């Protein structure tokens, strides 16, 4: 994976949004438990992108991509839960869920490409 790619930038931007969202939820809504889970999962995507970029082999790269996808699914879950429990309005949740969906599509596409190349 080359440096300064789309996934790298989008996952970083998503992490920034997650940090800001979690700060808002902590300060304004006094919600700490779900927020902690979202913060961990949402920022982990970009961290694993960075690790994948530095991967020593395609197997290592694919392992990190798989973790990124799982963390993206988990982030999606926590955001949906925050919406359904009224910590976030549906409108507040839609934009960040769209970003999560976009990351999942990109990561899923990379996974598919690697699987097809290796089969």
N, C-alpha and C. Protein backbone atom coordinates (compact mmCIF):
# COMPACT_ATOMS: atom_id res chain seq x y z
N UNK A 1 0.85 -1.17 0.00
CA UNK A 1 0.00 0.00 0.00
C UNK A 1 0.90 1.24 0.00
N UNK A 2 0.65 2.12 -0.91
CA UNK A 2 1.48 3.32 -0.98
C UNK A 2 1.09 4.33 0.09
N UNK A 3 1.99 5.20 0.41
CA UNK A 3 1.72 6.21 1.41
C UNK A 3 0.80 7.28 0.84
N UNK A 4 0.13 7.99 1.75
CA UNK A 4 -0.78 9.06 1.38
C UNK A 4 -1.89 8.59 0.45
N UNK A 5 -2.43 7.43 0.74
CA UNK A 5 -3.52 6.92 -0.08
C UNK A 5 -4.87 7.31 0.50
N UNK A 6 -5.92 6.99 -0.23
CA UNK A 6 -7.27 7.38 0.16
C UNK A 6 -7.66 6.75 1.49
N UNK A 7 -7.41 5.46 1.66
CA UNK A 7 -7.78 4.79 2.91
C UNK A 7 -7.04 5.40 4.10
N UNK A 8 -5.79 5.69 3.91
CA UNK A 8 -5.01 6.29 4.99
C UNK A 8 -5.63 7.63 5.42
N UNK A 9 -5.97 8.48 4.47
CA UNK A 9 -6.53 9.79 4.79
C UNK A 9 -7.94 9.67 5.37
N UNK A 10 -8.77 8.85 4.77
CA UNK A 10 -10.15 8.71 5.23
C UNK A 10 -10.22 8.07 6.62
N UNK A 11 -9.35 7.12 6.89
CA UNK A 11 -9.36 6.50 8.21
C UNK A 11 -8.86 7.48 9.28
N UNK A 12 -7.91 8.33 8.91
CA UNK A 12 -7.44 9.36 9.84
C UNK A 12 -8.54 10.38 10.11
N UNK A 13 -9.19 10.83 9.04
CA UNK A 13 -10.29 11.80 9.19
C UNK A 13 -11.42 11.21 10.04
N UNK A 14 -11.70 9.92 9.83
CA UNK A 14 -12.73 9.24 10.63
C UNK A 14 -12.32 9.22 12.10
N UNK A 15 -11.07 8.93 12.38
CA UNK A 15 -10.58 8.91 13.76
C UNK A 15 -10.74 10.27 14.42
N UNK A 16 -10.46 11.33 13.68
CA UNK A 16 -10.63 12.69 14.22
C UNK A 16 -12.10 12.93 14.56
N UNK A 17 -13.00 12.53 13.66
CA UNK A 17 -14.43 12.68 13.93
C UNK A 17 -14.84 11.88 15.17
N UNK A 18 -14.30 10.68 15.29
CA UNK A 18 -14.64 9.83 16.44
C UNK A 18 -14.16 10.48 17.75
N UNK A 19 -12.94 10.99 17.75
CA UNK A 19 -12.41 11.65 18.96
C UNK A 19 -13.31 12.84 19.33
N UNK A 20 -13.67 13.65 18.34
CA UNK A 20 -14.52 14.81 18.62
C UNK A 20 -15.91 14.39 19.08
N UNK A 21 -16.46 13.34 18.47
CA UNK A 21 -17.77 12.84 18.88
C UNK A 21 -17.72 12.32 20.31
N UNK A 22 -16.70 11.57 20.64
CA UNK A 22 -16.57 11.03 22.00
C UNK A 22 -16.38 12.13 23.03
N UNK A 23 -15.65 13.16 22.68
CA UNK A 23 -15.49 14.31 23.58
C UNK A 23 -16.85 14.95 23.84
N UNK A 24 -17.63 15.14 22.77
CA UNK A 24 -18.97 15.70 22.90
C UNK A 24 -19.85 14.81 23.79
N UNK A 25 -19.83 13.52 23.55
CA UNK A 25 -20.66 12.60 24.34
C UNK A 25 -20.25 12.60 25.81
N UNK A 26 -18.97 12.68 26.08
CA UNK A 26 -18.49 12.74 27.47
C UNK A 26 -18.92 14.05 28.14
N UNK A 27 -18.67 15.16 27.47
CA UNK A 27 -18.89 16.46 28.08
C UNK A 27 -20.36 16.86 28.12
N UNK A 28 -21.08 16.63 27.04
CA UNK A 28 -22.47 17.10 26.94
C UNK A 28 -23.50 16.07 27.39
N UNK A 29 -23.26 14.82 27.13
CA UNK A 29 -24.24 13.77 27.44
C UNK A 29 -23.86 12.95 28.66
N UNK A 30 -22.65 13.16 29.17
CA UNK A 30 -22.14 12.41 30.33
C UNK A 30 -22.21 10.91 30.09
N UNK A 31 -21.91 10.50 28.88
CA UNK A 31 -21.91 9.08 28.51
C UNK A 31 -20.47 8.63 28.40
N UNK A 32 -20.10 7.60 29.14
CA UNK A 32 -18.70 7.20 29.20
C UNK A 32 -18.45 5.76 28.73
N UNK A 33 -19.38 4.88 28.96
CA UNK A 33 -19.12 3.46 28.69
C UNK A 33 -19.16 3.15 27.20
N UNK A 34 -20.25 3.49 26.53
CA UNK A 34 -20.33 3.25 25.09
C UNK A 34 -19.28 4.07 24.35
N UNK A 35 -19.07 5.28 24.84
CA UNK A 35 -18.10 6.18 24.23
C UNK A 35 -16.70 5.60 24.24
N UNK A 36 -16.33 4.98 25.33
CA UNK A 36 -15.01 4.36 25.43
C UNK A 36 -14.83 3.26 24.39
N UNK A 37 -15.87 2.47 24.19
CA UNK A 37 -15.83 1.40 23.19
C UNK A 37 -15.70 1.97 21.79
N UNK A 38 -16.49 3.01 21.51
CA UNK A 38 -16.43 3.66 20.19
C UNK A 38 -15.07 4.29 19.94
N UNK A 39 -14.53 4.95 20.94
CA UNK A 39 -13.22 5.59 20.79
C UNK A 39 -12.15 4.56 20.45
N UNK A 40 -12.16 3.44 21.14
CA UNK A 40 -11.17 2.39 20.89
C UNK A 40 -11.31 1.83 19.48
N UNK A 41 -12.53 1.46 19.10
CA UNK A 41 -12.74 0.84 17.79
C UNK A 41 -12.54 1.84 16.65
N UNK A 42 -13.08 3.03 16.80
CA UNK A 42 -13.04 4.02 15.72
C UNK A 42 -11.65 4.55 15.41
N UNK A 43 -10.80 4.64 16.42
CA UNK A 43 -9.44 5.11 16.16
C UNK A 43 -8.52 3.96 15.76
N UNK A 44 -8.91 2.74 16.07
CA UNK A 44 -8.11 1.57 15.73
C UNK A 44 -8.03 1.33 14.23
N UNK A 45 -9.05 1.74 13.49
CA UNK A 45 -9.06 1.54 12.04
C UNK A 45 -7.83 2.19 11.42
N UNK A 46 -7.64 3.47 11.69
CA UNK A 46 -6.51 4.20 11.12
C UNK A 46 -5.17 3.68 11.62
N UNK A 47 -5.13 3.29 12.89
CA UNK A 47 -3.88 2.74 13.43
C UNK A 47 -3.50 1.46 12.68
N UNK A 48 -4.48 0.64 12.37
CA UNK A 48 -4.20 -0.59 11.63
C UNK A 48 -3.87 -0.32 10.17
N UNK A 49 -4.41 0.75 9.60
CA UNK A 49 -4.00 1.16 8.25
C UNK A 49 -2.52 1.48 8.25
N UNK A 50 -2.09 2.23 9.24
CA UNK A 50 -0.67 2.58 9.33
C UNK A 50 0.19 1.34 9.51
N UNK A 51 -0.27 0.41 10.32
CA UNK A 51 0.49 -0.83 10.50
C UNK A 51 0.53 -1.64 9.21
N UNK A 52 -0.58 -1.65 8.47
CA UNK A 52 -0.62 -2.38 7.19
C UNK A 52 0.37 -1.78 6.20
N UNK A 53 0.46 -0.46 6.18
CA UNK A 53 1.40 0.20 5.28
C UNK A 53 2.83 -0.26 5.57
N UNK A 54 3.12 -0.45 6.84
CA UNK A 54 4.45 -0.90 7.23
C UNK A 54 4.60 -2.41 7.30
N UNK A 55 3.59 -3.13 6.82
CA UNK A 55 3.62 -4.59 6.89
C UNK A 55 4.82 -5.19 6.19
N UNK A 56 5.29 -6.30 6.73
CA UNK A 56 6.48 -6.94 6.21
C UNK A 56 6.19 -7.90 5.06
N UNK A 57 4.93 -8.28 4.91
CA UNK A 57 4.57 -9.21 3.85
C UNK A 57 3.12 -9.00 3.47
N UNK A 58 2.70 -9.62 2.38
CA UNK A 58 1.30 -9.51 2.00
C UNK A 58 0.40 -10.18 3.03
N UNK A 59 0.89 -11.26 3.64
CA UNK A 59 0.13 -11.94 4.68
C UNK A 59 -0.08 -11.01 5.88
N UNK A 60 0.96 -10.30 6.27
CA UNK A 60 0.89 -9.34 7.37
C UNK A 60 -0.07 -8.21 6.99
N UNK A 61 0.04 -7.71 5.77
CA UNK A 61 -0.84 -6.66 5.27
C UNK A 61 -2.30 -7.11 5.34
N UNK A 62 -2.59 -8.32 4.85
CA UNK A 62 -3.95 -8.82 4.83
C UNK A 62 -4.49 -8.99 6.25
N UNK A 63 -3.66 -9.41 7.17
CA UNK A 63 -4.09 -9.57 8.56
C UNK A 63 -4.53 -8.22 9.14
N UNK A 64 -3.78 -7.18 8.86
CA UNK A 64 -4.13 -5.84 9.36
C UNK A 64 -5.40 -5.32 8.69
N UNK A 65 -5.55 -5.58 7.41
CA UNK A 65 -6.76 -5.17 6.69
C UNK A 65 -7.99 -5.84 7.30
N UNK A 66 -7.84 -7.11 7.66
CA UNK A 66 -8.94 -7.85 8.27
C UNK A 66 -9.32 -7.23 9.61
N UNK A 67 -8.33 -6.84 10.39
CA UNK A 67 -8.60 -6.18 11.68
C UNK A 67 -9.29 -4.84 11.45
N UNK A 68 -8.83 -4.10 10.44
CA UNK A 68 -9.46 -2.81 10.12
C UNK A 68 -10.95 -2.99 9.85
N UNK A 69 -11.27 -4.02 9.07
CA UNK A 69 -12.67 -4.26 8.71
C UNK A 69 -13.49 -4.58 9.97
N UNK A 70 -12.95 -5.42 10.82
CA UNK A 70 -13.67 -5.79 12.04
C UNK A 70 -13.87 -4.57 12.96
N UNK A 71 -12.87 -3.73 13.07
CA UNK A 71 -12.99 -2.53 13.90
C UNK A 71 -14.00 -1.55 13.28
N UNK A 72 -14.05 -1.49 11.97
CA UNK A 72 -15.05 -0.66 11.29
C UNK A 72 -16.46 -1.15 11.56
N UNK A 73 -16.66 -2.47 11.52
CA UNK A 73 -17.98 -3.04 11.84
C UNK A 73 -18.36 -2.72 13.29
N UNK A 74 -17.38 -2.85 14.18
CA UNK A 74 -17.66 -2.56 15.58
C UNK A 74 -18.01 -1.08 15.78
N UNK A 75 -17.28 -0.20 15.13
CA UNK A 75 -17.57 1.23 15.22
C UNK A 75 -19.00 1.51 14.74
N UNK A 76 -19.37 0.89 13.64
CA UNK A 76 -20.71 1.04 13.08
C UNK A 76 -21.75 0.63 14.12
N UNK A 77 -21.50 -0.48 14.79
CA UNK A 77 -22.41 -0.97 15.83
C UNK A 77 -22.59 0.06 16.95
N UNK A 78 -21.47 0.57 17.47
CA UNK A 78 -21.56 1.50 18.59
C UNK A 78 -22.28 2.78 18.20
N UNK A 79 -22.05 3.26 17.00
CA UNK A 79 -22.73 4.48 16.55
C UNK A 79 -24.24 4.22 16.46
N UNK A 80 -24.63 3.09 15.86
CA UNK A 80 -26.05 2.74 15.76
C UNK A 80 -26.67 2.63 17.16
N UNK A 81 -25.94 2.03 18.09
CA UNK A 81 -26.44 1.89 19.45
C UNK A 81 -26.62 3.26 20.11
N UNK A 82 -25.68 4.16 19.90
CA UNK A 82 -25.80 5.51 20.47
C UNK A 82 -27.00 6.25 19.88
N UNK A 83 -27.31 6.01 18.62
CA UNK A 83 -28.49 6.62 18.01
C UNK A 83 -29.76 6.02 18.62
N UNK A 84 -29.80 4.71 18.70
CA UNK A 84 -31.01 4.03 19.18
C UNK A 84 -31.27 4.26 20.67
N UNK A 85 -30.26 4.64 21.41
CA UNK A 85 -30.44 4.93 22.84
C UNK A 85 -30.53 6.44 23.10
N UNK A 86 -30.66 7.19 22.02
CA UNK A 86 -30.90 8.64 22.07
C UNK A 86 -29.75 9.47 22.63
N UNK A 87 -28.54 8.92 22.61
CA UNK A 87 -27.38 9.76 22.91
C UNK A 87 -27.04 10.61 21.70
N UNK A 88 -27.35 10.10 20.52
CA UNK A 88 -27.21 10.85 19.26
C UNK A 88 -28.56 10.87 18.57
N UNK A 89 -28.86 11.96 17.89
CA UNK A 89 -30.06 11.98 17.06
C UNK A 89 -29.78 11.18 15.79
N UNK A 90 -30.83 10.79 15.10
CA UNK A 90 -30.64 10.07 13.84
C UNK A 90 -29.83 10.92 12.87
N UNK A 91 -30.10 12.22 12.85
CA UNK A 91 -29.36 13.12 11.96
C UNK A 91 -27.88 13.17 12.31
N UNK A 92 -27.57 13.19 13.60
CA UNK A 92 -26.16 13.21 14.02
C UNK A 92 -25.47 11.90 13.63
N UNK A 93 -26.19 10.81 13.71
CA UNK A 93 -25.60 9.52 13.40
C UNK A 93 -25.40 9.25 11.92
N UNK A 94 -26.27 9.81 11.08
CA UNK A 94 -26.24 9.49 9.65
C UNK A 94 -24.90 9.81 9.00
N UNK A 95 -24.39 10.99 9.23
CA UNK A 95 -23.15 11.42 8.57
C UNK A 95 -21.97 10.53 8.94
N UNK A 96 -21.82 10.26 10.21
CA UNK A 96 -20.67 9.45 10.63
C UNK A 96 -20.87 7.99 10.23
N UNK A 97 -22.12 7.52 10.19
CA UNK A 97 -22.37 6.16 9.70
C UNK A 97 -22.04 6.06 8.21
N UNK A 98 -22.31 7.12 7.47
CA UNK A 98 -21.94 7.12 6.04
C UNK A 98 -20.43 7.04 5.88
N UNK A 99 -19.70 7.75 6.73
CA UNK A 99 -18.23 7.65 6.69
C UNK A 99 -17.76 6.25 7.04
N UNK A 100 -18.37 5.64 8.04
CA UNK A 100 -18.01 4.27 8.42
C UNK A 100 -18.32 3.31 7.27
N UNK A 101 -19.47 3.49 6.63
CA UNK A 101 -19.84 2.63 5.50
C UNK A 101 -18.83 2.77 4.36
N UNK A 102 -18.40 4.00 4.09
CA UNK A 102 -17.42 4.22 3.03
C UNK A 102 -16.10 3.51 3.34
N UNK A 103 -15.64 3.62 4.58
CA UNK A 103 -14.41 2.92 4.98
C UNK A 103 -14.58 1.41 4.82
N UNK A 104 -15.72 0.89 5.23
CA UNK A 104 -15.96 -0.55 5.11
C UNK A 104 -15.96 -1.00 3.65
N UNK A 105 -16.52 -0.18 2.76
CA UNK A 105 -16.50 -0.53 1.33
C UNK A 105 -15.08 -0.54 0.78
N UNK A 106 -14.29 0.44 1.15
CA UNK A 106 -12.90 0.51 0.67
C UNK A 106 -12.11 -0.69 1.19
N UNK A 107 -12.21 -0.94 2.49
CA UNK A 107 -11.46 -2.05 3.10
C UNK A 107 -11.94 -3.38 2.52
N UNK A 108 -13.25 -3.53 2.38
CA UNK A 108 -13.79 -4.76 1.81
C UNK A 108 -13.31 -5.00 0.39
N UNK A 109 -13.20 -3.94 -0.38
CA UNK A 109 -12.70 -4.04 -1.75
C UNK A 109 -11.24 -4.48 -1.77
N UNK A 110 -10.44 -3.95 -0.87
CA UNK A 110 -9.04 -4.36 -0.76
C UNK A 110 -8.95 -5.84 -0.39
N UNK A 111 -9.76 -6.27 0.56
CA UNK A 111 -9.77 -7.67 0.97
C UNK A 111 -10.11 -8.58 -0.23
N UNK A 112 -11.14 -8.19 -0.96
CA UNK A 112 -11.58 -8.98 -2.11
C UNK A 112 -10.47 -9.07 -3.16
N UNK A 113 -9.82 -7.95 -3.44
CA UNK A 113 -8.74 -7.92 -4.42
C UNK A 113 -7.61 -8.86 -4.02
N UNK A 114 -7.23 -8.81 -2.76
CA UNK A 114 -6.14 -9.67 -2.29
C UNK A 114 -6.55 -11.14 -2.36
N UNK A 115 -7.76 -11.44 -1.95
CA UNK A 115 -8.24 -12.84 -2.00
C UNK A 115 -8.22 -13.36 -3.42
N UNK A 116 -8.73 -12.56 -4.38
CA UNK A 116 -8.76 -13.01 -5.79
C UNK A 116 -7.36 -13.15 -6.37
N UNK A 117 -6.48 -12.27 -5.98
CA UNK A 117 -5.11 -12.33 -6.49
C UNK A 117 -4.40 -13.59 -5.99
N UNK A 118 -4.76 -14.04 -4.79
CA UNK A 118 -4.09 -15.18 -4.19
C UNK A 118 -4.81 -16.52 -4.43
N UNK A 119 -5.88 -16.49 -5.20
CA UNK A 119 -6.58 -17.77 -5.41
C UNK A 119 -6.34 -18.34 -6.78
